[in-house]
Every structure is written in structure tokens, then in C-alpha cells.
């Protein structure tokens, strides 16, 4: 029993710093705050049950995000088998996180605030409109700061595939945001 409590403490110690990232990732997947919370809880339970299987504890973040993604895919499959007319991907759009506001910086004045809000909405819409194969790597790499290797592990893809998807995702975003954001060509 004492060993089980110690296992729980170590797991919580690894998981706690990832909760913001985990929730934002789940929100990006489900586009619904309630579904995102459920997804995070399900993934936490699965990860805790498999905690002993993780050999390299320094790989916890991509390992856990992979469990979260697999849980989402499983739920989406189960959801579609029930004959629902919409998928989890088509659920309600979510509110932007404070993380996005930090990236935008502070612009004084009501007109600038309105422009900032409009731009934030355009960026969020452009990101949400990306096909999932590009949206998830872009979100994990640029929104959450994961390395290419961590994104590859989280999405169970080769690093080269992630690099290619990031390149294409950026290209699509650049095209969609051309009239709103001055983005240097790469």
C-alpha cells in the first residue's frame, strides 16, 4: 500500500507541470471544454495504470500526450459507432486561452484592443481550420513548445513527417492570414 501511494506521488509530480498543456491540447482536439476535461481525466487514469510501463521517465511528456491522443481517437471511434451525426472535431468552438494573449503582447487603446481581438480570432479560426494532420503538430510545437522529437512521440510519427507537416501547416496558415498578419516568407 505504501508503494502504491509513493507511485501515485511520483506520477502526480510528473503530471502536475503538464496540466495546462494537457488541457489546452485536449481542448484543441475536442473543441469543447467539457469534453476536454473528460478526455484529460480518462487519459490520466490510463496513464496512471500504465505508469510502470514507462521505462524512460524523462520521456513522460510525449508518452502522456500520446496516451491523451490515443484516448481521443478511441472516443471518436466509439462516438462515430453510435451513429451520431457530428464528430468530436465538429463540436463547439472553444474560448482562446490566456497563452494566446501572452503571445499577442499588450497594445494600448480601444481600437488596438479591438484589432487585437479580431486578429486573435482570425488566428484561432485559421488554426482550427487546418486539417488535423497539420493542426496537431502546429499546436504542439508552436503553441506548447514541444520539440520535434516530442511531437513525433506524442503523435506516433517519424520526426521527418512532423517537420513536413509543420512546414505545410505554416504555409497554409501564412496563406490564410496574409491579409491580417505581416508574416515573413520562409
Foldseek 3Di string as FASTA:
>chain_A
DVVLVVLVVVLCVLCVVCPVVQLVLLCLLQQDNVSSVVLLVVLSVVCSVCVVVDDDSVLVQLVSLLSSVVSLVVVQVVVVVVVDPDTSLPDHHHDDDVLLVVVLDDDDDDVVVVLSVVLSVLLSVLLSPDPPLQSSLCCCCPVVPDDLVSSCSNNVHDSVSSVVSPVVSVVSSCVSCVVRDDDDDD
